[in-house]
PDB file of N, CA and C in Angstrom:
ATOM      1  N   MET A   1     119.710 236.070  40.881  1.00  0.00           N
ATOM      2  CA  MET A   1     118.871 234.899  40.821  1.00  0.00           C
ATOM      3  C   MET A   1     119.518 233.894  39.855  1.00  0.00           C
ATOM      4  N   THR A   2     119.548 232.647  40.220  1.00  0.00           N
ATOM      5  CA  THR A   2     120.143 231.622  39.375  1.00  0.00           C
ATOM      6  C   THR A   2     119.076 230.993  38.494  1.00  0.00           C
ATOM      7  N   LYS A   3     119.503 230.653  37.307  1.00  0.00           N
ATOM      8  CA  LYS A   3     118.572 230.004  36.385  1.00  0.00           C
ATOM      9  C   LYS A   3     118.592 228.506  36.644  1.00  0.00           C
ATOM     10  N   ARG A   4     117.422 227.932  36.671  1.00  0.00           N
ATOM     11  CA  ARG A   4     117.291 226.498  36.897  1.00  0.00           C
ATOM     12  C   ARG A   4     117.310 225.793  35.540  1.00  0.00           C
ATOM     13  N   LYS A   5     118.154 224.804  35.414  1.00  0.00           N
ATOM     14  CA  LYS A   5     118.252 224.040  34.179  1.00  0.00           C
ATOM     15  C   LYS A   5     117.169 222.962  34.170  1.00  0.00           C
ATOM     16  N   ARG A   6     116.466 222.886  33.070  1.00  0.00           N
ATOM     17  CA  ARG A   6     115.416 221.868  32.947  1.00  0.00           C
ATOM     18  C   ARG A   6     116.025 220.508  32.644  1.00  0.00           C
ATOM     19  N   ASN A   7     115.398 219.502  33.185  1.00  0.00           N
ATOM     20  CA  ASN A   7     115.823 218.138  32.888  1.00  0.00           C
ATOM     21  C   ASN A   7     115.253 217.730  31.543  1.00  0.00           C
ATOM     22  N   SER A   8     116.062 217.069  30.760  1.00  0.00           N
ATOM     23  CA  SER A   8     115.558 216.495  29.517  1.00  0.00           C
ATOM     24  C   SER A   8     115.778 214.988  29.600  1.00  0.00           C
ATOM     25  N   PHE A   9     114.722 214.269  29.398  1.00  0.00           N
ATOM     26  CA  PHE A   9     114.764 212.822  29.531  1.00  0.00           C
ATOM     27  C   PHE A   9     114.696 212.184  28.154  1.00  0.00           C
ATOM     28  N   SER A  10     115.396 211.090  27.993  1.00  0.00           N
ATOM     29  CA  SER A  10     115.371 210.376  26.722  1.00  0.00           C
ATOM     30  C   SER A  10     114.023 209.683  26.544  1.00  0.00           C
ATOM     31  N   SER A  11     113.728 209.378  25.304  1.00  0.00           N
ATOM     32  CA  SER A  11     112.461 208.701  25.023  1.00  0.00           C
ATOM     33  C   SER A  11     112.443 207.299  25.630  1.00  0.00           C
ATOM     34  N   ASP A  12     113.598 206.660  25.708  1.00  0.00           N
ATOM     35  CA  ASP A  12     113.667 205.335  26.337  1.00  0.00           C
ATOM     36  C   ASP A  12     113.324 205.412  27.823  1.00  0.00           C
ATOM     37  N   PHE A  13     113.832 206.451  28.484  1.00  0.00           N
ATOM     38  CA  PHE A  13     113.547 206.634  29.905  1.00  0.00           C
ATOM     39  C   PHE A  13     112.063 206.906  30.120  1.00  0.00           C
ATOM     40  N   LYS A  14     111.493 207.770  29.266  1.00  0.00           N
ATOM     41  CA  LYS A  14     110.068 208.094  29.386  1.00  0.00           C
ATOM     42  C   LYS A  14     109.217 206.843  29.194  1.00  0.00           C
ATOM     43  N   ALA A  15     109.587 206.029  28.208  1.00  0.00           N
ATOM     44  CA  ALA A  15     108.832 204.803  27.947  1.00  0.00           C
ATOM     45  C   ALA A  15     108.927 203.844  29.129  1.00  0.00           C
ATOM     46  N   LYS A  16     110.112 203.756  29.713  1.00  0.00           N
ATOM     47  CA  LYS A  16     110.301 202.862  30.859  1.00  0.00           C
ATOM     48  C   LYS A  16     109.433 203.296  32.036  1.00  0.00           C
ATOM     49  N   VAL A  17     109.413 204.604  32.313  1.00  0.00           N
ATOM     50  CA  VAL A  17     108.614 205.130  33.422  1.00  0.00           C
ATOM     51  C   VAL A  17     107.127 204.944  33.133  1.00  0.00           C
ATOM     52  N   ALA A  18     106.716 205.245  31.891  1.00  0.00           N
ATOM     53  CA  ALA A  18     105.303 205.127  31.528  1.00  0.00           C
ATOM     54  C   ALA A  18     104.832 203.676  31.594  1.00  0.00           C
ATOM     55  N   LEU A  19     105.654 202.753  31.147  1.00  0.00           N
ATOM     56  CA  LEU A  19     105.283 201.335  31.224  1.00  0.00           C
ATOM     57  C   LEU A  19     105.166 200.866  32.667  1.00  0.00           C
ATOM     58  N   GLU A  20     106.042 201.369  33.503  1.00  0.00           N
ATOM     59  CA  GLU A  20     105.960 201.041  34.932  1.00  0.00           C
ATOM     60  C   GLU A  20     104.647 201.553  35.513  1.00  0.00           C
ATOM     61  N   ALA A  21     104.238 202.757  35.083  1.00  0.00           N
ATOM     62  CA  ALA A  21     102.984 203.330  35.577  1.00  0.00           C
ATOM     63  C   ALA A  21     101.784 202.552  35.053  1.00  0.00           C
ATOM     64  N   ILE A  22     101.840 202.121  33.808  1.00  0.00           N
ATOM     65  CA  ILE A  22     100.735 201.354  33.226  1.00  0.00           C
ATOM     66  C   ILE A  22     100.641 199.981  33.886  1.00  0.00           C
ATOM     67  N   HIS A  23     101.778 199.435  34.248  1.00  0.00           N
ATOM     68  CA  HIS A  23     101.789 198.117  34.889  1.00  0.00           C
ATOM     69  C   HIS A  23     100.924 198.115  36.143  1.00  0.00           C
ATOM     70  N   GLY A  24     100.924 199.222  36.883  1.00  0.00           N
ATOM     71  CA  GLY A  24      99.997 199.406  37.989  1.00  0.00           C
ATOM     72  C   GLY A  24     100.376 198.785  39.314  1.00  0.00           C
ATOM     73  N   VAL A  25     101.576 198.279  39.458  1.00  0.00           N
ATOM     74  CA  VAL A  25     101.983 197.674  40.723  1.00  0.00           C
ATOM     75  C   VAL A  25     102.255 198.756  41.765  1.00  0.00           C
ATOM     76  N   LYS A  26     102.860 199.856  41.329  1.00  0.00           N
ATOM     77  CA  LYS A  26     103.205 200.951  42.236  1.00  0.00           C
ATOM     78  C   LYS A  26     102.344 202.170  41.909  1.00  0.00           C
ATOM     79  N   THR A  27     102.233 203.058  42.872  1.00  0.00           N
ATOM     80  CA  THR A  27     101.501 204.309  42.639  1.00  0.00           C
ATOM     81  C   THR A  27     102.395 205.274  41.873  1.00  0.00           C
ATOM     82  N   LEU A  28     101.770 206.333  41.336  1.00  0.00           N
ATOM     83  CA  LEU A  28     102.535 207.332  40.603  1.00  0.00           C
ATOM     84  C   LEU A  28     103.571 208.002  41.501  1.00  0.00           C
ATOM     85  N   ASN A  29     103.217 208.207  42.765  1.00  0.00           N
ATOM     86  CA  ASN A  29     104.167 208.802  43.710  1.00  0.00           C
ATOM     87  C   ASN A  29     105.390 207.910  43.912  1.00  0.00           C
ATOM     88  N   GLU A  30     105.175 206.618  44.064  1.00  0.00           N
ATOM     89  CA  GLU A  30     106.287 205.693  44.264  1.00  0.00           C
ATOM     90  C   GLU A  30     107.186 205.640  43.031  1.00  0.00           C
ATOM     91  N   ILE A  31     106.554 205.629  41.868  1.00  0.00           N
ATOM     92  CA  ILE A  31     107.329 205.599  40.622  1.00  0.00           C
ATOM     93  C   ILE A  31     108.127 206.887  40.468  1.00  0.00           C
ATOM     94  N   GLY A  32     107.494 208.012  40.788  1.00  0.00           N
ATOM     95  CA  GLY A  32     108.182 209.294  40.711  1.00  0.00           C
ATOM     96  C   GLY A  32     109.389 209.359  41.624  1.00  0.00           C
ATOM     97  N   GLN A  33     109.254 208.864  42.835  1.00  0.00           N
ATOM     98  CA  GLN A  33     110.382 208.846  43.771  1.00  0.00           C
ATOM     99  C   GLN A  33     111.483 207.906  43.294  1.00  0.00           C
ATOM    100  N   GLU A  34     111.086 206.770  42.748  1.00  0.00           N
ATOM    101  CA  GLU A  34     112.065 205.785  42.291  1.00  0.00           C
ATOM    102  C   GLU A  34     112.917 206.325  41.143  1.00  0.00           C
ATOM    103  N   PHE A  35     112.275 207.023  40.204  1.00  0.00           N
ATOM    104  CA  PHE A  35     112.989 207.507  39.024  1.00  0.00           C
ATOM    105  C   PHE A  35     113.407 208.973  39.124  1.00  0.00           C
ATOM    106  N   GLY A  36     113.039 209.655  40.194  1.00  0.00           N
ATOM    107  CA  GLY A  36     113.421 211.054  40.361  1.00  0.00           C
ATOM    108  C   GLY A  36     112.641 211.999  39.471  1.00  0.00           C
ATOM    109  N   VAL A  37     111.368 211.696  39.258  1.00  0.00           N
ATOM    110  CA  VAL A  37     110.499 212.497  38.393  1.00  0.00           C
ATOM    111  C   VAL A  37     109.254 212.849  39.188  1.00  0.00           C
ATOM    112  N   HIS A  38     108.692 214.015  38.912  1.00  0.00           N
ATOM    113  CA  HIS A  38     107.473 214.429  39.611  1.00  0.00           C
ATOM    114  C   HIS A  38     106.322 213.500  39.215  1.00  0.00           C
ATOM    115  N   PRO A  39     105.456 213.144  40.153  1.00  0.00           N
ATOM    116  CA  PRO A  39     104.334 212.236  39.861  1.00  0.00           C
ATOM    117  C   PRO A  39     103.400 212.757  38.768  1.00  0.00           C
ATOM    118  N   VAL A  40     103.242 214.068  38.666  1.00  0.00           N
ATOM    119  CA  VAL A  40     102.397 214.629  37.603  1.00  0.00           C
ATOM    120  C   VAL A  40     102.999 214.316  36.235  1.00  0.00           C
ATOM    121  N   GLN A  41     104.335 214.414  36.153  1.00  0.00           N
ATOM    122  CA  GLN A  41     105.018 214.102  34.893  1.00  0.00           C
ATOM    123  C   GLN A  41     104.863 212.624  34.548  1.00  0.00           C
ATOM    124  N   VAL A  42     104.918 211.769  35.543  1.00  0.00           N
ATOM    125  CA  VAL A  42     104.713 210.331  35.319  1.00  0.00           C
ATOM    126  C   VAL A  42     103.320 210.095  34.752  1.00  0.00           C
ATOM    127  N   GLY A  43     102.328 210.781  35.309  1.00  0.00           N
ATOM    128  CA  GLY A  43     100.955 210.647  34.815  1.00  0.00           C
ATOM    129  C   GLY A  43     100.808 211.130  33.382  1.00  0.00           C
ATOM    130  N   LYS A  44     101.502 212.222  33.034  1.00  0.00           N
ATOM    131  CA  LYS A  44     101.445 212.732  31.652  1.00  0.00           C
ATOM    132  C   LYS A  44     102.054 211.738  30.678  1.00  0.00           C
ATOM    133  N   TRP A  45     103.203 211.171  31.054  1.00  0.00           N
ATOM    134  CA  TRP A  45     103.848 210.196  30.181  1.00  0.00           C
ATOM    135  C   TRP A  45     102.998 208.946  30.029  1.00  0.00           C
ATOM    136  N   LYS A  46     102.342 208.535  31.104  1.00  0.00           N
ATOM    137  CA  LYS A  46     101.460 207.367  31.059  1.00  0.00           C
ATOM    138  C   LYS A  46     100.304 207.628  30.104  1.00  0.00           C
ATOM    139  N   LYS A  47      99.684 208.794  30.221  1.00  0.00           N
ATOM    140  CA  LYS A  47      98.556 209.152  29.362  1.00  0.00           C
ATOM    141  C   LYS A  47      98.998 209.238  27.903  1.00  0.00           C
ATOM    142  N   GLU A  48     100.159 209.830  27.664  1.00  0.00           N
ATOM    143  CA  GLU A  48     100.671 209.957  26.301  1.00  0.00           C
ATOM    144  C   GLU A  48     100.941 208.590  25.686  1.00  0.00           C
ATOM    145  N   LEU A  49     101.498 207.685  26.466  1.00  0.00           N
ATOM    146  CA  LEU A  49     101.764 206.338  25.975  1.00  0.00           C
ATOM    147  C   LEU A  49     100.465 205.613  25.636  1.00  0.00           C
ATOM    148  N   GLN A  50      99.461 205.752  26.470  1.00  0.00           N
ATOM    149  CA  GLN A  50      98.184 205.090  26.210  1.00  0.00           C
ATOM    150  C   GLN A  50      97.526 205.641  24.950  1.00  0.00           C
ATOM    151  N   GLU A  51      97.642 206.946  24.723  1.00  0.00           N
ATOM    152  CA  GLU A  51      97.034 207.549  23.539  1.00  0.00           C
ATOM    153  C   GLU A  51      97.791 207.178  22.268  1.00  0.00           C
ATOM    154  N   GLN A  52      99.104 207.089  22.355  1.00  0.00           N
ATOM    155  CA  GLN A  52      99.920 206.818  21.174  1.00  0.00           C
ATOM    156  C   GLN A  52     100.056 205.329  20.864  1.00  0.00           C
ATOM    157  N   ALA A  53      99.731 204.476  21.799  1.00  0.00           N
ATOM    158  CA  ALA A  53      99.919 203.036  21.606  1.00  0.00           C
ATOM    159  C   ALA A  53      99.053 202.491  20.475  1.00  0.00           C
ATOM    160  N   SER A  54      97.873 203.053  20.287  1.00  0.00           N
ATOM    161  CA  SER A  54      96.990 202.539  19.239  1.00  0.00           C
ATOM    162  C   SER A  54      97.556 202.794  17.847  1.00  0.00           C
ATOM    163  N   ARG A  55      98.406 203.784  17.700  1.00  0.00           N
ATOM    164  CA  ARG A  55      98.993 204.092  16.390  1.00  0.00           C
ATOM    165  C   ARG A  55      99.970 203.015  15.933  1.00  0.00           C
ATOM    166  N   LEU A  56     100.491 202.244  16.859  1.00  0.00           N
ATOM    167  CA  LEU A  56     101.407 201.180  16.480  1.00  0.00           C
ATOM    168  C   LEU A  56     100.727 200.128  15.613  1.00  0.00           C
ATOM    169  N   PHE A  57      99.441 199.929  15.837  1.00  0.00           N
ATOM    170  CA  PHE A  57      98.722 198.867  15.149  1.00  0.00           C
ATOM    171  C   PHE A  57      97.838 199.379  14.022  1.00  0.00           C
ATOM    172  N   GLU A  58      97.875 200.673  13.722  1.00  0.00           N
ATOM    173  CA  GLU A  58      97.037 201.238  12.672  1.00  0.00           C
ATOM    174  C   GLU A  58      97.596 201.005  11.281  1.00  0.00           C
ATOM    175  N   MET A  59      98.878 200.776  11.165  1.00  0.00           N
ATOM    176  CA  MET A  59      99.485 200.646   9.846  1.00  0.00           C
ATOM    177  C   MET A  59      98.943 199.410   9.144  1.00  0.00           C
ATOM    178  N   LYS A  60      98.654 199.578   7.867  1.00  0.00           N
ATOM    179  CA  LYS A  60      98.130 198.474   7.073  1.00  0.00           C
ATOM    180  C   LYS A  60      99.290 197.621   6.575  1.00  0.00           C
ATOM    181  N   ARG A  61      98.986 196.358   6.372  1.00  0.00           N
ATOM    182  CA  ARG A  61      99.995 195.458   5.839  1.00  0.00           C
ATOM    183  C   ARG A  61     100.116 195.669   4.347  1.00  0.00           C
ATOM    184  N   GLY A  62     101.215 195.244   3.835  1.00  0.00           N
ATOM    185  CA  GLY A  62     101.450 195.352   2.414  1.00  0.00           C
ATOM    186  C   GLY A  62     102.825 195.939   2.160  1.00  0.00           C
ATOM    187  N   PRO A  63     103.144 196.068   0.906  1.00  0.00           N
ATOM    188  CA  PRO A  63     104.468 196.607   0.596  1.00  0.00           C
ATOM    189  C   PRO A  63     104.580 198.065   1.010  1.00  0.00           C
ATOM    190  N   LYS A  64     105.754 198.411   1.459  1.00  0.00           N
ATOM    191  CA  LYS A  64     105.999 199.791   1.852  1.00  0.00           C
ATOM    192  C   LYS A  64     106.138 200.641   0.592  1.00  0.00           C
ATOM    193  N   PRO A  65     105.686 201.880   0.639  1.00  0.00           N
ATOM    194  CA  PRO A  65     105.822 202.730  -0.540  1.00  0.00           C
ATOM    195  C   PRO A  65     107.295 202.984  -0.847  1.00  0.00           C
ATOM    196  N   VAL A  66     107.622 202.901  -2.118  1.00  0.00           N
ATOM    197  CA  VAL A  66     108.995 203.076  -2.553  1.00  0.00           C
ATOM    198  C   VAL A  66     109.228 204.545  -2.855  1.00  0.00           C
ATOM    199  N   GLU A  67     110.282 205.062  -2.290  1.00  0.00           N
ATOM    200  CA  GLU A  67     110.625 206.448  -2.551  1.00  0.00           C
ATOM    201  C   GLU A  67     111.464 206.506  -3.823  1.00  0.00           C
ATOM    202  N   PRO A  68     111.169 207.453  -4.686  1.00  0.00           N
ATOM    203  CA  PRO A  68     111.976 207.557  -5.910  1.00  0.00           C
ATOM    204  C   PRO A  68     113.388 208.011  -5.557  1.00  0.00           C
ATOM    205  N   SER A  69     114.341 207.094  -5.675  1.00  0.00           N
ATOM    206  CA  SER A  69     115.702 207.414  -5.267  1.00  0.00           C
ATOM    207  C   SER A  69     116.510 208.031  -6.406  1.00  0.00           C
ATOM    208  N   ALA A  70     116.190 207.663  -7.636  1.00  0.00           N
ATOM    209  CA  ALA A  70     116.934 208.190  -8.771  1.00  0.00           C
ATOM    210  C   ALA A  70     116.064 209.175  -9.538  1.00  0.00           C
ATOM    211  N   ASP A  71     116.679 210.255  -9.953  1.00  0.00           N
ATOM    212  CA  ASP A  71     115.918 211.236 -10.714  1.00  0.00           C
ATOM    213  C   ASP A  71     115.739 210.742 -12.147  1.00  0.00           C
ATOM    214  N   PRO A  72     114.647 211.115 -12.794  1.00  0.00           N
ATOM    215  CA  PRO A  72     114.356 210.622 -14.146  1.00  0.00           C
ATOM    216  C   PRO A  72     115.428 211.001 -15.165  1.00  0.00           C
ATOM    217  N   GLU A  73     116.032 212.169 -15.013  1.00  0.00           N
ATOM    218  CA  GLU A  73     117.046 212.600 -15.974  1.00  0.00           C
ATOM    219  C   GLU A  73     118.229 211.635 -15.986  1.00  0.00           C
ATOM    220  N   LYS A  74     118.632 211.174 -14.829  1.00  0.00           N
ATOM    221  CA  LYS A  74     119.738 210.223 -14.733  1.00  0.00           C
ATOM    222  C   LYS A  74     119.363 208.894 -15.390  1.00  0.00           C
ATOM    223  N   LEU A  75     118.128 208.467 -15.192  1.00  0.00           N
ATOM    224  CA  LEU A  75     117.676 207.208 -15.795  1.00  0.00           C
ATOM    225  C   LEU A  75     117.615 207.312 -17.316  1.00  0.00           C
ATOM    226  N   TYR A  76     117.120 208.433 -17.834  1.00  0.00           N
ATOM    227  CA  TYR A  76     117.068 208.623 -19.286  1.00  0.00           C
ATOM    228  C   TYR A  76     118.474 208.650 -19.884  1.00  0.00           C
ATOM    229  N   THR A  77     119.415 209.240 -19.179  1.00  0.00           N
ATOM    230  CA  THR A  77     120.799 209.261 -19.643  1.00  0.00           C
ATOM    231  C   THR A  77     121.352 207.843 -19.712  1.00  0.00           C
ATOM    232  N   GLU A  78     121.074 207.050 -18.715  1.00  0.00           N
ATOM    233  CA  GLU A  78     121.539 205.659 -18.685  1.00  0.00           C
ATOM    234  C   GLU A  78     120.900 204.848 -19.816  1.00  0.00           C
ATOM    235  N   ILE A  79     119.614 205.055 -20.070  1.00  0.00           N
ATOM    236  CA  ILE A  79     118.931 204.348 -21.162  1.00  0.00           C
ATOM    237  C   ILE A  79     119.566 204.709 -22.495  1.00  0.00           C
ATOM    238  N   GLY A  80     119.834 205.989 -22.707  1.00  0.00           N
ATOM    239  CA  GLY A  80     120.468 206.430 -23.953  1.00  0.00           C
ATOM    240  C   GLY A  80     121.840 205.813 -24.134  1.00  0.00           C
ATOM    241  N   ARG A  81     122.624 205.776 -23.073  1.00  0.00           N
ATOM    242  CA  ARG A  81     123.958 205.186 -23.145  1.00  0.00           C
ATOM    243  C   ARG A  81     123.872 203.703 -23.489  1.00  0.00           C
ATOM    244  N   LEU A  82     122.930 202.998 -22.900  1.00  0.00           N
ATOM    245  CA  LEU A  82     122.778 201.568 -23.168  1.00  0.00           C
ATOM    246  C   LEU A  82     122.310 201.306 -24.595  1.00  0.00           C
ATOM    247  N   LYS A  83     121.450 202.173 -25.131  1.00  0.00           N
ATOM    248  CA  LYS A  83     121.005 202.021 -26.523  1.00  0.00           C
ATOM    249  C   LYS A  83     122.173 202.193 -27.486  1.00  0.00           C
ATOM    250  N   VAL A  84     123.007 203.197 -27.242  1.00  0.00           N
ATOM    251  CA  VAL A  84     124.171 203.427 -28.104  1.00  0.00           C
ATOM    252  C   VAL A  84     125.110 202.233 -28.027  1.00  0.00           C
ATOM    253  N   GLU A  85     125.332 201.713 -26.841  1.00  0.00           N
ATOM    254  CA  GLU A  85     126.206 200.558 -26.666  1.00  0.00           C
ATOM    255  C   GLU A  85     125.650 199.333 -27.385  1.00  0.00           C
ATOM    256  N   LEU A  86     124.345 199.119 -27.312  1.00  0.00           N
ATOM    257  CA  LEU A  86     123.715 197.983 -27.985  1.00  0.00           C
ATOM    258  C   LEU A  86     123.818 198.124 -29.498  1.00  0.00           C
ATOM    259  N   ASP A  87     123.583 199.327 -30.012  1.00  0.00           N
ATOM    260  CA  ASP A  87     123.709 199.549 -31.458  1.00  0.00           C
ATOM    261  C   ASP A  87     125.139 199.286 -31.916  1.00  0.00           C
ATOM    262  N   TRP A  88     126.116 199.708 -31.126  1.00  0.00           N
ATOM    263  CA  TRP A  88     127.516 199.481 -31.479  1.00  0.00           C
ATOM    264  C   TRP A  88     127.821 197.989 -31.491  1.00  0.00           C
ATOM    265  N   LEU A  89     127.284 197.254 -30.501  1.00  0.00           N
ATOM    266  CA  LEU A  89     127.511 195.811 -30.456  1.00  0.00           C
ATOM    267  C   LEU A  89     126.862 195.102 -31.639  1.00  0.00           C
ATOM    268  N   LYS A  90     125.709 195.565 -32.059  1.00  0.00           N
ATOM    269  CA  LYS A  90     125.027 194.950 -33.196  1.00  0.00           C
ATOM    270  C   LYS A  90     125.820 195.137 -34.481  1.00  0.00           C
ATOM    271  N   LYS A  91     126.503 196.259 -34.604  1.00  0.00           N
ATOM    272  CA  LYS A  91     127.238 196.571 -35.831  1.00  0.00           C
ATOM    273  C   LYS A  91     128.645 195.987 -35.832  1.00  0.00           C
ATOM    274  N   SER A  92     129.192 195.623 -34.690  1.00  0.00           N
ATOM    275  CA  SER A  92     130.568 195.137 -34.632  1.00  0.00           C
ATOM    276  C   SER A  92     130.647 193.730 -35.221  1.00  0.00           C
ATOM    277  N   PRO A  93     131.736 193.449 -35.982  1.00  0.00           N
ATOM    278  CA  PRO A  93     131.873 192.122 -36.601  1.00  0.00           C
ATOM    279  C   PRO A  93     132.127 191.048 -35.535  1.00  0.00           C
ATOM    280  N   GLY A  94     131.572 189.897 -35.757  1.00  0.00           N
ATOM    281  CA  GLY A  94     131.747 188.782 -34.835  1.00  0.00           C
ATOM    282  C   GLY A  94     130.804 188.820 -33.650  1.00  0.00           C
ATOM    283  N   SER A  95     129.934 189.785 -33.613  1.00  0.00           N
ATOM    284  CA  SER A  95     128.995 189.905 -32.512  1.00  0.00           C
ATOM    285  C   SER A  95     127.823 188.961 -32.734  1.00  0.00           C
ATOM    286  N   PRO A  96     127.295 188.358 -31.678  1.00  0.00           N
ATOM    287  CA  PRO A  96     126.116 187.506 -31.858  1.00  0.00           C
ATOM    288  C   PRO A  96     124.906 188.315 -32.314  1.00  0.00           C
ATOM    289  N   TYR A  97     124.987 189.622 -32.159  1.00  0.00           N
ATOM    290  CA  TYR A  97     123.884 190.487 -32.566  1.00  0.00           C
ATOM    291  C   TYR A  97     124.083 191.046 -33.970  1.00  0.00           C
ATOM    292  N   GLU A  98     125.162 190.633 -34.645  1.00  0.00           N
ATOM    293  CA  GLU A  98     125.474 191.182 -35.961  1.00  0.00           C
ATOM    294  C   GLU A  98     124.335 190.879 -36.929  1.00  0.00           C
ATOM    295  N   GLY A  99     123.882 191.873 -37.591  1.00  0.00           N
ATOM    296  CA  GLY A  99     122.804 191.714 -38.549  1.00  0.00           C
ATOM    297  C   GLY A  99     121.430 191.690 -37.919  1.00  0.00           C
ATOM    298  N   ALA A 100     121.342 191.774 -36.615  1.00  0.00           N
ATOM    299  CA  ALA A 100     120.041 191.781 -35.952  1.00  0.00           C
ATOM    300  C   ALA A 100     119.361 193.115 -36.191  1.00  0.00           C
ATOM    301  N   GLN A 101     118.093 193.048 -36.378  1.00  0.00           N
ATOM    302  CA  GLN A 101     117.330 194.264 -36.614  1.00  0.00           C
ATOM    303  C   GLN A 101     116.526 194.605 -35.371  1.00  0.00           C
ATOM    304  N   SER A 102     116.357 195.875 -35.158  1.00  0.00           N
ATOM    305  CA  SER A 102     115.537 196.292 -34.029  1.00  0.00           C
ATOM    306  C   SER A 102     114.071 196.133 -34.394  1.00  0.00           C
ATOM    307  N   MET A 103     113.205 196.246 -33.433  1.00  0.00           N
ATOM    308  CA  MET A 103     111.768 196.111 -33.663  1.00  0.00           C
ATOM    309  C   MET A 103     111.276 197.176 -34.637  1.00  0.00           C
ATOM    310  N   ASP A 104     111.909 198.344 -34.630  1.00  0.00           N
ATOM    311  CA  ASP A 104     111.489 199.411 -35.533  1.00  0.00           C
ATOM    312  C   ASP A 104     111.854 199.094 -36.974  1.00  0.00           C
ATOM    313  N   GLN A 105     112.958 198.385 -37.176  1.00  0.00           N
ATOM    314  CA  GLN A 105     113.431 198.110 -38.522  1.00  0.00           C
ATOM    315  C   GLN A 105     112.748 196.901 -39.148  1.00  0.00           C
ATOM    316  N   ARG A 106     112.129 196.057 -38.369  1.00  0.00           N
ATOM    317  CA  ARG A 106     111.464 194.870 -38.902  1.00  0.00           C
ATOM    318  C   ARG A 106     110.175 195.263 -39.603  1.00  0.00           C
ATOM    319  N   LYS A 107     109.919 194.553 -40.656  1.00  0.00           N
ATOM    320  CA  LYS A 107     108.669 194.795 -41.381  1.00  0.00           C
ATOM    321  C   LYS A 107     107.768 193.591 -41.164  1.00  0.00           C
ATOM    322  N   TRP A 108     106.661 193.862 -40.570  1.00  0.00           N
ATOM    323  CA  TRP A 108     105.712 192.798 -40.292  1.00  0.00           C
ATOM    324  C   TRP A 108     104.651 192.798 -41.376  1.00  0.00           C
ATOM    325  N   LEU A 109     104.299 191.628 -41.817  1.00  0.00           N
ATOM    326  CA  LEU A 109     103.279 191.507 -42.853  1.00  0.00           C
ATOM    327  C   LEU A 109     101.928 191.332 -42.280  1.00  0.00           C
TER     328      LEU A 109
END
């Protein structure tokens, strides 16, 4: 006995067939013959498209959630490096920051 290979259709093809079925000009049988798909499958794709179409408009407007791309440890390392560099610049002669005090070193009355 030979094994029958199943057809796998791309999502673009399924959408094209389902939209044709929703359009309603041709019957499911005609669409099935045109695209080489069983009419029952055309009906399933049509039903699936109708059910999933409402999800396209459910998303709320506004900014998209930002995914944390950098880990906190890397950011803390960068902050530490920048603080050391700033302190070195403040202490170097001829620097515009020479003699500048940090907020911690200032005495407020």
